[in-house]
Amino acid sequence: MLEKTMRMNYLYDFYQMLLTDKQRSYMSLYYLDDYSLGEIADEYEVSRQAVYDNIKRTEAMLEEYEAKLMLLKKFQERQVLINQLKKRADENMLTIIKAIEELE
């Protein structure tokens, strides 16, 4: 479950601007603020099932965006390469690597 939560948080970070306001709100409350489905339903005065359906649809959308755009995959691959560079880098290269990381 923790792995799925982390993945959804990353996908949300990359693709949130492609979501509607309601989708962003539900996902933020559920994944970032750790609200339960019932708490979100109470806040929006909808059924728990409506919240659940919206979140599941949004999760599927985020996965579709990732399948097409692969922003998370590319980010993870860059992180692996940066870590490999750090292991082999001298002091000057470490400064450059740090500057690259700050651009992320």
Protein backbone atom coordinates (compact mmCIF):
# COMPACT_ATOMS: atom_id res chain seq x y z
CA MET A 1 0.00 0.00 0.00
CA LEU A 2 2.82 2.42 0.84
CA GLU A 3 4.39 1.80 -2.57
CA LYS A 4 1.10 2.61 -4.33
CA THR A 5 0.69 5.76 -2.23
CA MET A 6 4.20 6.93 -3.11
CA ARG A 7 3.60 6.21 -6.80
CA MET A 8 0.32 8.11 -6.80
CA ASN A 9 1.98 11.04 -5.03
CA TYR A 10 4.70 11.17 -7.69
CA LEU A 11 2.19 10.84 -10.53
CA TYR A 12 0.05 13.54 -8.94
CA ASP A 13 3.08 15.84 -8.73
CA PHE A 14 3.88 15.35 -12.40
CA TYR A 15 0.39 15.41 -13.88
CA GLN A 16 -1.85 17.37 -11.49
CA MET A 17 -2.29 20.24 -13.92
CA LEU A 18 -4.03 17.83 -16.32
CA LEU A 19 -6.74 17.09 -13.74
CA THR A 20 -9.93 18.97 -12.95
CA ASP A 21 -10.16 21.01 -9.76
CA LYS A 22 -12.34 18.35 -8.14
CA GLN A 23 -9.96 15.56 -9.11
CA ARG A 24 -7.00 17.52 -7.74
CA SER A 25 -8.86 18.21 -4.52
CA TYR A 26 -9.93 14.59 -3.95
CA MET A 27 -6.47 13.23 -4.74
CA SER A 28 -4.77 15.81 -2.56
CA LEU A 29 -7.04 15.13 0.38
CA TYR A 30 -6.84 11.35 0.00
CA TYR A 31 -3.15 10.86 -0.78
CA LEU A 32 -1.41 13.93 0.62
CA ASP A 33 -3.58 14.82 3.62
CA ASP A 34 -4.57 11.21 4.45
CA TYR A 35 -8.31 11.89 4.59
CA SER A 36 -10.60 8.88 4.54
CA LEU A 37 -13.20 8.44 1.82
CA GLY A 38 -15.89 9.25 4.37
CA GLU A 39 -14.20 12.49 5.43
CA ILE A 40 -13.91 13.64 1.83
CA ALA A 41 -17.54 12.65 1.19
CA ASP A 42 -18.67 14.68 4.21
CA GLU A 43 -16.67 17.71 3.11
CA TYR A 44 -18.15 17.67 -0.41
CA GLU A 45 -21.59 16.43 0.61
CA VAL A 46 -21.47 13.44 -1.74
CA SER A 47 -21.55 9.70 -1.16
CA ARG A 48 -18.50 7.75 -0.14
CA GLN A 49 -18.97 5.70 -3.32
CA ALA A 50 -18.84 8.86 -5.46
CA VAL A 51 -15.51 9.80 -3.89
CA TYR A 52 -14.17 6.27 -4.34
CA ASP A 53 -15.21 6.18 -8.01
CA ASN A 54 -13.68 9.59 -8.67
CA ILE A 55 -10.37 8.62 -7.05
CA LYS A 56 -10.20 5.30 -8.93
CA ARG A 57 -10.91 7.03 -12.26
CA THR A 58 -8.31 9.67 -11.50
CA GLU A 59 -5.72 7.02 -10.58
CA ALA A 60 -6.37 5.33 -13.92
CA MET A 61 -6.00 8.66 -15.73
CA LEU A 62 -2.68 9.33 -14.00
CA GLU A 63 -1.43 5.89 -15.02
CA GLU A 64 -2.52 6.57 -18.63
CA TYR A 65 -0.66 9.88 -18.64
CA GLU A 66 2.43 8.12 -17.33
CA ALA A 67 2.16 5.37 -19.95
CA LYS A 68 2.13 8.03 -22.68
CA LEU A 69 4.48 10.68 -21.31
CA MET A 70 6.72 8.65 -18.97
CA LEU A 71 7.71 11.64 -16.83
CA LEU A 72 8.02 9.57 -13.64
CA LYS A 73 10.03 6.84 -15.40
CA LYS A 74 12.44 9.40 -16.85
CA PHE A 75 12.75 11.13 -13.47
CA GLN A 76 13.61 7.83 -11.77
CA GLU A 77 16.14 6.98 -14.46
CA ARG A 78 17.77 10.40 -14.05
CA GLN A 79 18.01 9.83 -10.30
CA VAL A 80 19.83 6.52 -10.84
CA LEU A 81 22.29 8.17 -13.24
CA ILE A 82 22.86 11.11 -10.90
CA ASN A 83 23.59 8.73 -8.02
CA GLN A 84 26.08 6.85 -10.20
CA LEU A 85 27.76 10.13 -11.12
CA LYS A 86 28.00 11.14 -7.46
CA LYS A 87 29.86 7.94 -6.62
CA ARG A 88 32.48 8.64 -9.30
CA ALA A 89 32.64 12.42 -9.14
CA ASP A 90 35.38 14.68 -7.90
CA GLU A 91 34.66 17.92 -6.02
CA ASN A 92 34.13 20.04 -9.16
CA MET A 93 31.73 17.52 -10.66
CA LEU A 94 29.77 17.30 -7.38
CA THR A 95 29.14 21.05 -7.58
CA ILE A 96 27.75 20.65 -11.11
CA ILE A 97 25.64 17.65 -10.10
CA LYS A 98 24.18 19.61 -7.19
CA ALA A 99 23.26 22.46 -9.57
CA ILE A 100 21.53 19.97 -11.88
CA GLU A 101 19.56 18.49 -8.97
CA GLU A 102 18.37 21.94 -7.93
CA LEU A 103 16.85 22.39 -11.40
CA GLU A 104 14.57 19.35 -10.89
